[in-house]
Amino acid sequence: MFASKDDLKLFYGIDMEIGQFFIDRKIPDNNLYWKGRYLYITPMPGYLFIPTYVDLQYRLGLPKQALLSEEHARFIEAIMHSIGKEEFEKTGREAHINECVEIAAAYGKNDQLLDELKQYFAGTNAINGIDFGLPLKALNRVDSYLFTLCFFDFDNDTKKKLIDAWHALMTFYLLTDDMDDMKDDAIAKEDNSILDAGLTLEGVKTIETLMHQCYMVMNEINPVFANRIDYSWQQIDVKNVIEEYLKAEGRSIN
């Protein structure tokens, strides 16, 4: 299915020039993330998040010229190829992170952030006053994309905003996906944030708190996308989602 720069602007608030750049971009050769694809951007979260996050970076002060540079695009694609290898070739998390470190060292300019990301992926969450990860591990499963931020230099305040924006974006996409995939993920033992939170009333509160935080962060940066999030959240009753899942297994929420 095709997405246009107008769709990205109207439905997601994405800057027209940013949208056009990614809509027009050719699929990179021999890149596992785009394997079997015919379009660079399709209306699917796994591809939409790229221009959406670039737009958030632009709104938070990163230069558009650098964001839309060929070098930055190739950096993104190298990280995505590594993500593809982890997903499709099952290369393993450690090998994936090590490769991302090598890619960031080659393309990046922000040595401090690279060092902090090394600490984060080694198990340290709070670094220099910034929470690099969310409390539910499953919501951090694509955080290796944060290595692409090493392309830029910025102050600590901007860094925090960029990371918070990333987590707001991923909370929206991953929570929505995980609610649909609870049964399949449980069987396959795949990461799932709803299962991580616990199939209890306390788990419901945890998810609802994350949903609220996601909206509040996004509304400060991109109100158009925040409205989309708000609409989606209003269609979801987390307690009911969990109750229906447990009912199918002969259990009840407590």
C-alpha atoms as a PDB file:
ATOM      1  CA  MET A   1       0.000   0.000   0.000  1.00  0.00           C
ATOM      2  CA  PHE A   2       1.317   3.424  -0.972  1.00  0.00           C
ATOM      3  CA  ALA A   3       1.858   6.367   1.393  1.00  0.00           C
ATOM      4  CA  SER A   4       2.375   9.911   0.102  1.00  0.00           C
ATOM      5  CA  LYS A   5       3.994  12.977   1.656  1.00  0.00           C
ATOM      6  CA  ASP A   6       0.461  14.388   1.962  1.00  0.00           C
ATOM      7  CA  ASP A   7      -0.672  11.334   3.935  1.00  0.00           C
ATOM      8  CA  LEU A   8       2.313  11.681   6.251  1.00  0.00           C
ATOM      9  CA  LYS A   9       1.557  15.369   6.804  1.00  0.00           C
ATOM     10  CA  LEU A  10      -2.199  15.067   7.276  1.00  0.00           C
ATOM     11  CA  PHE A  11      -2.306  11.911   9.386  1.00  0.00           C
ATOM     12  CA  TYR A  12       0.991  12.105  11.279  1.00  0.00           C
ATOM     13  CA  GLY A  13       1.996  15.781  11.135  1.00  0.00           C
ATOM     14  CA  ILE A  14       5.272  14.975   9.384  1.00  0.00           C
ATOM     15  CA  ASP A  15       7.063  17.866   7.692  1.00  0.00           C
ATOM     16  CA  MET A  16       6.422  17.717   3.921  1.00  0.00           C
ATOM     17  CA  GLU A  17      10.105  17.842   2.967  1.00  0.00           C
ATOM     18  CA  ILE A  18      10.958  15.063   5.410  1.00  0.00           C
ATOM     19  CA  GLY A  19       8.050  12.999   4.152  1.00  0.00           C
ATOM     20  CA  GLN A  20       9.046  13.489   0.519  1.00  0.00           C
ATOM     21  CA  PHE A  21      12.657  12.522   1.222  1.00  0.00           C
ATOM     22  CA  PHE A  22      11.702   9.117   2.581  1.00  0.00           C
ATOM     23  CA  ILE A  23       8.807   8.470   0.201  1.00  0.00           C
ATOM     24  CA  ASP A  24      11.136   9.050  -2.773  1.00  0.00           C
ATOM     25  CA  ARG A  25      14.078   7.094  -1.387  1.00  0.00           C
ATOM     26  CA  LYS A  26      15.028   3.867  -3.120  1.00  0.00           C
ATOM     27  CA  ILE A  27      15.165   0.646  -1.161  1.00  0.00           C
ATOM     28  CA  PRO A  28      18.792  -0.036  -0.165  1.00  0.00           C
ATOM     29  CA  ASP A  29      20.455  -2.961  -1.904  1.00  0.00           C
ATOM     30  CA  ASN A  30      20.976  -6.178   0.064  1.00  0.00           C
ATOM     31  CA  ASN A  31      19.316  -4.782   3.177  1.00  0.00           C
ATOM     32  CA  LEU A  32      17.464  -7.432   5.165  1.00  0.00           C
ATOM     33  CA  TYR A  33      15.081  -4.959   6.766  1.00  0.00           C
ATOM     34  CA  TRP A  34      13.673  -4.060   3.346  1.00  0.00           C
ATOM     35  CA  LYS A  35      13.944  -7.592   1.948  1.00  0.00           C
ATOM     36  CA  GLY A  36      11.001  -8.339  -0.322  1.00  0.00           C
ATOM     37  CA  ARG A  37       9.763  -4.751  -0.149  1.00  0.00           C
ATOM     38  CA  TYR A  38       9.028  -2.528  -3.121  1.00  0.00           C
ATOM     39  CA  LEU A  39       8.572   0.784  -1.301  1.00  0.00           C
ATOM     40  CA  TYR A  40      10.834   2.469   1.231  1.00  0.00           C
ATOM     41  CA  ILE A  41       7.883   3.697   3.312  1.00  0.00           C
ATOM     42  CA  THR A  42       4.569   1.887   3.616  1.00  0.00           C
ATOM     43  CA  PRO A  43       1.692   2.598   6.053  1.00  0.00           C
ATOM     44  CA  MET A  44       3.083   0.049   8.506  1.00  0.00           C
ATOM     45  CA  PRO A  45       4.572   0.966  11.907  1.00  0.00           C
ATOM     46  CA  GLY A  46       7.846  -0.812  11.136  1.00  0.00           C
ATOM     47  CA  TYR A  47       8.517   1.660   8.326  1.00  0.00           C
ATOM     48  CA  LEU A  48       6.406   4.683   9.284  1.00  0.00           C
ATOM     49  CA  PHE A  49       8.375   5.171  12.472  1.00  0.00           C
ATOM     50  CA  ILE A  50      11.456   6.261  10.497  1.00  0.00           C
ATOM     51  CA  PRO A  51      10.094   9.516   9.000  1.00  0.00           C
ATOM     52  CA  THR A  52       7.954  10.040  12.109  1.00  0.00           C
ATOM     53  CA  TYR A  53      10.984   9.979  14.396  1.00  0.00           C
ATOM     54  CA  VAL A  54      13.082  12.081  12.008  1.00  0.00           C
ATOM     55  CA  ASP A  55      10.283  14.649  12.140  1.00  0.00           C
ATOM     56  CA  LEU A  56      10.348  14.546  15.948  1.00  0.00           C
ATOM     57  CA  GLN A  57      14.108  15.089  15.854  1.00  0.00           C
ATOM     58  CA  TYR A  58      13.590  18.107  13.592  1.00  0.00           C
ATOM     59  CA  ARG A  59      10.914  19.516  15.914  1.00  0.00           C
ATOM     60  CA  LEU A  60      13.354  19.147  18.818  1.00  0.00           C
ATOM     61  CA  GLY A  61      15.987  21.238  17.068  1.00  0.00           C
ATOM     62  CA  LEU A  62      18.168  18.926  14.994  1.00  0.00           C
ATOM     63  CA  PRO A  63      19.106  20.432  11.604  1.00  0.00           C
ATOM     64  CA  LYS A  64      16.940  19.321   8.700  1.00  0.00           C
ATOM     65  CA  GLN A  65      19.843  19.401   6.243  1.00  0.00           C
ATOM     66  CA  ALA A  66      21.773  16.882   8.336  1.00  0.00           C
ATOM     67  CA  LEU A  67      18.676  14.775   9.037  1.00  0.00           C
ATOM     68  CA  LEU A  68      18.047  14.457   5.296  1.00  0.00           C
ATOM     69  CA  SER A  69      21.670  13.975   4.319  1.00  0.00           C
ATOM     70  CA  GLU A  70      22.766  10.894   2.416  1.00  0.00           C
ATOM     71  CA  GLU A  71      25.215   9.992   5.173  1.00  0.00           C
ATOM     72  CA  HIS A  72      22.525  10.045   7.854  1.00  0.00           C
ATOM     73  CA  ALA A  73      20.173   7.975   5.684  1.00  0.00           C
ATOM     74  CA  ARG A  74      22.907   5.390   5.138  1.00  0.00           C
ATOM     75  CA  PHE A  75      23.561   5.314   8.888  1.00  0.00           C
ATOM     76  CA  ILE A  76      19.874   4.579   9.508  1.00  0.00           C
ATOM     77  CA  GLU A  77      19.877   1.874   6.853  1.00  0.00           C
ATOM     78  CA  ALA A  78      22.975   0.212   8.288  1.00  0.00           C
ATOM     79  CA  ILE A  79      21.349   0.023  11.725  1.00  0.00           C
ATOM     80  CA  MET A  80      18.116  -1.274  10.193  1.00  0.00           C
ATOM     81  CA  HIS A  81      20.026  -3.948   8.275  1.00  0.00           C
ATOM     82  CA  SER A  82      21.517  -5.117  11.564  1.00  0.00           C
ATOM     83  CA  ILE A  83      18.024  -5.147  13.096  1.00  0.00           C
ATOM     84  CA  GLY A  84      16.931  -7.232  10.114  1.00  0.00           C
ATOM     85  CA  LYS A  85      19.764  -9.684  10.688  1.00  0.00           C
ATOM     86  CA  GLU A  86      18.789 -10.091  14.323  1.00  0.00           C
ATOM     87  CA  GLU A  87      15.145 -10.651  13.379  1.00  0.00           C
ATOM     88  CA  PHE A  88      15.446 -12.826  10.285  1.00  0.00           C
ATOM     89  CA  GLU A  89      18.794 -14.556  10.724  1.00  0.00           C
ATOM     90  CA  LYS A  90      18.597 -14.806  14.511  1.00  0.00           C
ATOM     91  CA  THR A  91      22.132 -13.470  14.919  1.00  0.00           C
ATOM     92  CA  GLY A  92      21.566 -12.822  18.612  1.00  0.00           C
ATOM     93  CA  ARG A  93      21.190  -9.650  20.668  1.00  0.00           C
ATOM     94  CA  GLU A  94      24.820  -9.324  21.707  1.00  0.00           C
ATOM     95  CA  ALA A  95      26.101  -9.638  18.147  1.00  0.00           C
ATOM     96  CA  HIS A  96      23.506  -7.099  16.987  1.00  0.00           C
ATOM     97  CA  ILE A  97      24.488  -4.528  19.614  1.00  0.00           C
ATOM     98  CA  ASN A  98      28.192  -5.019  18.922  1.00  0.00           C
ATOM     99  CA  GLU A  99      27.551  -4.415  15.234  1.00  0.00           C
ATOM    100  CA  CYS A 100      25.528  -1.271  16.029  1.00  0.00           C
ATOM    101  CA  VAL A 101      28.436   0.038  18.117  1.00  0.00           C
ATOM    102  CA  GLU A 102      30.763  -0.483  15.150  1.00  0.00           C
ATOM    103  CA  ILE A 103      28.329   1.255  12.781  1.00  0.00           C
ATOM    104  CA  ALA A 104      27.874   4.191  15.162  1.00  0.00           C
ATOM    105  CA  ALA A 105      31.631   4.528  15.601  1.00  0.00           C
ATOM    106  CA  ALA A 106      31.989   4.789  11.819  1.00  0.00           C
ATOM    107  CA  TYR A 107      29.149   7.246  11.182  1.00  0.00           C
ATOM    108  CA  GLY A 108      28.709   8.993  14.506  1.00  0.00           C
ATOM    109  CA  LYS A 109      30.027  12.219  15.948  1.00  0.00           C
ATOM    110  CA  ASN A 110      28.727  11.954  19.515  1.00  0.00           C
ATOM    111  CA  ASP A 111      31.212   9.846  21.461  1.00  0.00           C
ATOM    112  CA  GLN A 112      29.557  10.596  24.800  1.00  0.00           C
ATOM    113  CA  LEU A 113      26.191   9.262  23.657  1.00  0.00           C
ATOM    114  CA  LEU A 114      27.850   6.205  22.139  1.00  0.00           C
ATOM    115  CA  ASP A 115      29.505   5.478  25.479  1.00  0.00           C
ATOM    116  CA  GLU A 116      26.175   5.950  27.288  1.00  0.00           C
ATOM    117  CA  LEU A 117      24.443   3.586  24.885  1.00  0.00           C
ATOM    118  CA  LYS A 118      27.133   0.993  25.531  1.00  0.00           C
ATOM    119  CA  GLN A 119      26.366   1.328  29.245  1.00  0.00           C
ATOM    120  CA  TYR A 120      22.634   1.098  28.601  1.00  0.00           C
ATOM    121  CA  PHE A 121      22.870  -2.077  26.555  1.00  0.00           C
ATOM    122  CA  ALA A 122      25.204  -3.530  29.180  1.00  0.00           C
ATOM    123  CA  GLY A 123      22.388  -3.193  31.705  1.00  0.00           C
ATOM    124  CA  THR A 124      22.457   0.341  33.140  1.00  0.00           C
ATOM    125  CA  ASN A 125      19.191   2.212  32.629  1.00  0.00           C
ATOM    126  CA  ALA A 126      19.587   5.635  34.274  1.00  0.00           C
ATOM    127  CA  ILE A 127      22.679   7.418  32.956  1.00  0.00           C
ATOM    128  CA  ASN A 128      23.556  11.071  33.620  1.00  0.00           C
ATOM    129  CA  GLY A 129      20.017  11.861  34.714  1.00  0.00           C
ATOM    130  CA  ILE A 130      18.333  10.238  31.703  1.00  0.00           C
ATOM    131  CA  ASP A 131      16.257   7.046  31.655  1.00  0.00           C
ATOM    132  CA  PHE A 132      17.456   5.301  28.511  1.00  0.00           C
ATOM    133  CA  GLY A 133      14.890   2.529  28.821  1.00  0.00           C
ATOM    134  CA  LEU A 134      11.278   2.075  29.868  1.00  0.00           C
ATOM    135  CA  PRO A 135      10.288  -0.053  32.897  1.00  0.00           C
ATOM    136  CA  LEU A 136       8.858  -2.841  30.724  1.00  0.00           C
ATOM    137  CA  LYS A 137      11.683  -4.636  28.924  1.00  0.00           C
ATOM    138  CA  ALA A 138       9.512  -5.503  25.918  1.00  0.00           C
ATOM    139  CA  LEU A 139       9.055  -1.798  25.129  1.00  0.00           C
ATOM    140  CA  ASN A 140      12.825  -1.459  24.728  1.00  0.00           C
ATOM    141  CA  ARG A 141      13.189  -4.189  22.136  1.00  0.00           C
ATOM    142  CA  VAL A 142      14.004  -1.875  19.221  1.00  0.00           C
ATOM    143  CA  ASP A 143      16.083   0.625  21.200  1.00  0.00           C
ATOM    144  CA  SER A 144      19.161  -0.152  19.127  1.00  0.00           C
ATOM    145  CA  TYR A 145      17.751   2.473  16.729  1.00  0.00           C
ATOM    146  CA  LEU A 146      18.925   5.030  19.320  1.00  0.00           C
ATOM    147  CA  PHE A 147      22.444   4.514  17.983  1.00  0.00           C
ATOM    148  CA  THR A 148      21.424   6.677  15.005  1.00  0.00           C
ATOM    149  CA  LEU A 149      21.307   9.662  17.376  1.00  0.00           C
ATOM    150  CA  CYS A 150      25.095   9.448  17.580  1.00  0.00           C
ATOM    151  CA  PHE A 151      25.151  11.235  14.210  1.00  0.00           C
ATOM    152  CA  PHE A 152      24.451  14.516  16.028  1.00  0.00           C
ATOM    153  CA  ASP A 153      25.915  16.610  18.816  1.00  0.00           C
ATOM    154  CA  PHE A 154      23.453  18.112  21.307  1.00  0.00           C
ATOM    155  CA  ASP A 155      23.199  19.145  24.950  1.00  0.00           C
ATOM    156  CA  ASN A 156      21.899  16.924  27.734  1.00  0.00           C
ATOM    157  CA  ASP A 157      18.463  18.563  27.779  1.00  0.00           C
ATOM    158  CA  THR A 158      17.959  17.903  24.063  1.00  0.00           C
ATOM    159  CA  LYS A 159      19.243  14.350  24.502  1.00  0.00           C
ATOM    160  CA  LYS A 160      16.620  13.664  27.165  1.00  0.00           C
ATOM    161  CA  LYS A 161      13.858  15.067  24.958  1.00  0.00           C
ATOM    162  CA  LEU A 162      15.007  12.982  21.990  1.00  0.00           C
ATOM    163  CA  ILE A 163      15.057   9.783  24.031  1.00  0.00           C
ATOM    164  CA  ASP A 164      11.713  10.554  25.685  1.00  0.00           C
ATOM    165  CA  ALA A 165      10.204  11.213  22.239  1.00  0.00           C
ATOM    166  CA  TRP A 166      11.546   7.883  21.005  1.00  0.00           C
ATOM    167  CA  HIS A 167       9.972   6.043  23.908  1.00  0.00           C
ATOM    168  CA  ALA A 168       6.642   7.820  23.422  1.00  0.00           C
ATOM    169  CA  LEU A 169       6.633   6.742  19.774  1.00  0.00           C
ATOM    170  CA  MET A 170       7.597   3.160  20.555  1.00  0.00           C
ATOM    171  CA  THR A 171       5.126   2.926  23.444  1.00  0.00           C
ATOM    172  CA  PHE A 172       2.318   3.748  21.025  1.00  0.00           C
ATOM    173  CA  TYR A 173       3.370   1.308  18.333  1.00  0.00           C
ATOM    174  CA  LEU A 174       4.529  -1.552  20.539  1.00  0.00           C
ATOM    175  CA  LEU A 175       1.690  -1.498  23.067  1.00  0.00           C
ATOM    176  CA  THR A 176      -0.825  -1.524  20.231  1.00  0.00           C
ATOM    177  CA  ASP A 177       0.976  -4.411  18.552  1.00  0.00           C
ATOM    178  CA  ASP A 178       1.407  -6.353  21.784  1.00  0.00           C
ATOM    179  CA  MET A 179      -2.290  -6.168  22.660  1.00  0.00           C
ATOM    180  CA  ASP A 180      -3.080  -7.881  19.372  1.00  0.00           C
ATOM    181  CA  ASP A 181      -0.339 -10.493  19.718  1.00  0.00           C
ATOM    182  CA  MET A 182      -0.596 -11.620  23.347  1.00  0.00           C
ATOM    183  CA  LYS A 183      -1.569 -15.218  22.585  1.00  0.00           C
ATOM    184  CA  ASP A 184       0.941 -15.735  19.779  1.00  0.00           C
ATOM    185  CA  ASP A 185       3.746 -14.074  21.747  1.00  0.00           C
ATOM    186  CA  ALA A 186       3.031 -16.190  24.827  1.00  0.00           C
ATOM    187  CA  ILE A 187       3.199 -19.381  22.765  1.00  0.00           C
ATOM    188  CA  ALA A 188       6.361 -18.320  20.925  1.00  0.00           C
ATOM    189  CA  LYS A 189       7.897 -16.830  24.085  1.00  0.00           C
ATOM    190  CA  GLU A 190       8.364 -13.520  22.271  1.00  0.00           C
ATOM    191  CA  ASP A 191       8.685 -10.135  23.991  1.00  0.00           C
ATOM    192  CA  ASN A 192       5.299  -8.664  24.889  1.00  0.00           C
ATOM    193  CA  SER A 193       4.802  -5.601  27.067  1.00  0.00           C
ATOM    194  CA  ILE A 194       1.299  -6.586  28.220  1.00  0.00           C
ATOM    195  CA  LEU A 195       2.592  -9.928  29.455  1.00  0.00           C
ATOM    196  CA  ASP A 196       5.585  -8.141  31.010  1.00  0.00           C
ATOM    197  CA  ALA A 197       3.286  -5.828  32.980  1.00  0.00           C
ATOM    198  CA  GLY A 198       1.400  -8.790  34.387  1.00  0.00           C
ATOM    199  CA  LEU A 199      -2.137  -9.992  33.690  1.00  0.00           C
ATOM    200  CA  THR A 200      -3.446  -8.341  36.857  1.00  0.00           C
ATOM    201  CA  LEU A 201      -5.190  -5.136  37.902  1.00  0.00           C
ATOM    202  CA  GLU A 202      -1.760  -3.776  38.806  1.00  0.00           C
ATOM    203  CA  GLY A 203      -0.596  -4.624  35.300  1.00  0.00           C
ATOM    204  CA  VAL A 204      -3.564  -2.702  33.893  1.00  0.00           C
ATOM    205  CA  LYS A 205      -2.512   0.366  35.894  1.00  0.00           C
ATOM    206  CA  THR A 206       1.059   0.046  34.632  1.00  0.00           C
ATOM    207  CA  ILE A 207      -0.057  -0.056  30.987  1.00  0.00           C
ATOM    208  CA  GLU A 208      -2.520   2.807  31.427  1.00  0.00           C
ATOM    209  CA  THR A 209       0.178   4.947  33.049  1.00  0.00           C
ATOM    210  CA  LEU A 210       2.514   4.311  30.121  1.00  0.00           C
ATOM    211  CA  MET A 211      -0.285   5.164  27.685  1.00  0.00           C
ATOM    212  CA  HIS A 212      -0.875   8.479  29.451  1.00  0.00           C
ATOM    213  CA  GLN A 213       2.832   9.334  29.563  1.00  0.00           C
ATOM    214  CA  CYS A 214       3.148   8.486  25.873  1.00  0.00           C
ATOM    215  CA  TYR A 215       0.377  10.921  24.964  1.00  0.00           C
ATOM    216  CA  MET A 216       1.657  13.736  27.189  1.00  0.00           C
ATOM    217  CA  VAL A 217       5.195  13.581  25.777  1.00  0.00           C
ATOM    218  CA  MET A 218       3.985  13.444  22.174  1.00  0.00           C
ATOM    219  CA  ASN A 219       1.492  16.268  22.653  1.00  0.00           C
ATOM    220  CA  GLU A 220       4.341  18.593  23.614  1.00  0.00           C
ATOM    221  CA  ILE A 221       6.188  17.853  20.370  1.00  0.00           C
ATOM    222  CA  ASN A 222       3.718  16.801  17.674  1.00  0.00           C
ATOM    223  CA  PRO A 223       0.055  17.489  18.558  1.00  0.00           C
ATOM    224  CA  VAL A 224      -1.157  15.970  15.270  1.00  0.00           C
ATOM    225  CA  PHE A 225       0.382  12.606  16.057  1.00  0.00           C
ATOM    226  CA  ALA A 226      -0.664  12.964  19.707  1.00  0.00           C
ATOM    227  CA  ASN A 227      -4.278  13.294  18.571  1.00  0.00           C
ATOM    228  CA  ARG A 228      -3.896  10.015  16.690  1.00  0.00           C
ATOM    229  CA  ILE A 229      -2.525   8.405  19.844  1.00  0.00           C
ATOM    230  CA  ASP A 230      -5.365   9.840  21.947  1.00  0.00           C
ATOM    231  CA  TYR A 231      -7.973   8.516  19.519  1.00  0.00           C
ATOM    232  CA  SER A 232      -6.369   5.055  19.513  1.00  0.00           C
ATOM    233  CA  TRP A 233      -6.129   4.911  23.298  1.00  0.00           C
ATOM    234  CA  GLN A 234      -9.816   5.840  23.611  1.00  0.00           C
ATOM    235  CA  GLN A 235     -10.716   2.747  21.578  1.00  0.00           C
ATOM    236  CA  ILE A 236      -8.817   0.464  23.959  1.00  0.00           C
ATOM    237  CA  ASP A 237      -9.988  -0.904  27.302  1.00  0.00           C
ATOM    238  CA  VAL A 238      -6.835  -2.486  28.715  1.00  0.00           C
ATOM    239  CA  LYS A 239      -8.676  -4.303  31.488  1.00  0.00           C
ATOM    240  CA  ASN A 240     -11.078  -5.816  28.974  1.00  0.00           C
ATOM    241  CA  VAL A 241      -8.213  -6.872  26.672  1.00  0.00           C
ATOM    242  CA  ILE A 242      -6.572  -8.762  29.533  1.00  0.00           C
ATOM    243  CA  GLU A 243      -9.867 -10.220  30.783  1.00  0.00           C
ATOM    244  CA  GLU A 244     -10.691 -11.589  27.331  1.00  0.00           C
ATOM    245  CA  TYR A 245      -7.241 -13.161  27.073  1.00  0.00           C
ATOM    246  CA  LEU A 246      -7.557 -14.784  30.506  1.00  0.00           C
ATOM    247  CA  LYS A 247     -11.138 -15.894  29.855  1.00  0.00           C
ATOM    248  CA  ALA A 248      -9.970 -17.918  26.858  1.00  0.00           C
ATOM    249  CA  GLU A 249      -7.581 -19.715  29.222  1.00  0.00           C
ATOM    250  CA  GLY A 250     -10.191 -20.272  31.919  1.00  0.00           C
ATOM    251  CA  ARG A 251      -8.683 -17.684  34.235  1.00  0.00           C
ATOM    252  CA  SER A 252      -9.790 -14.322  35.625  1.00  0.00           C
ATOM    253  CA  ILE A 253      -8.049 -11.059  36.429  1.00  0.00           C
ATOM    254  CA  ASN A 254      -7.128 -10.214  40.021  1.00  0.00           C
END
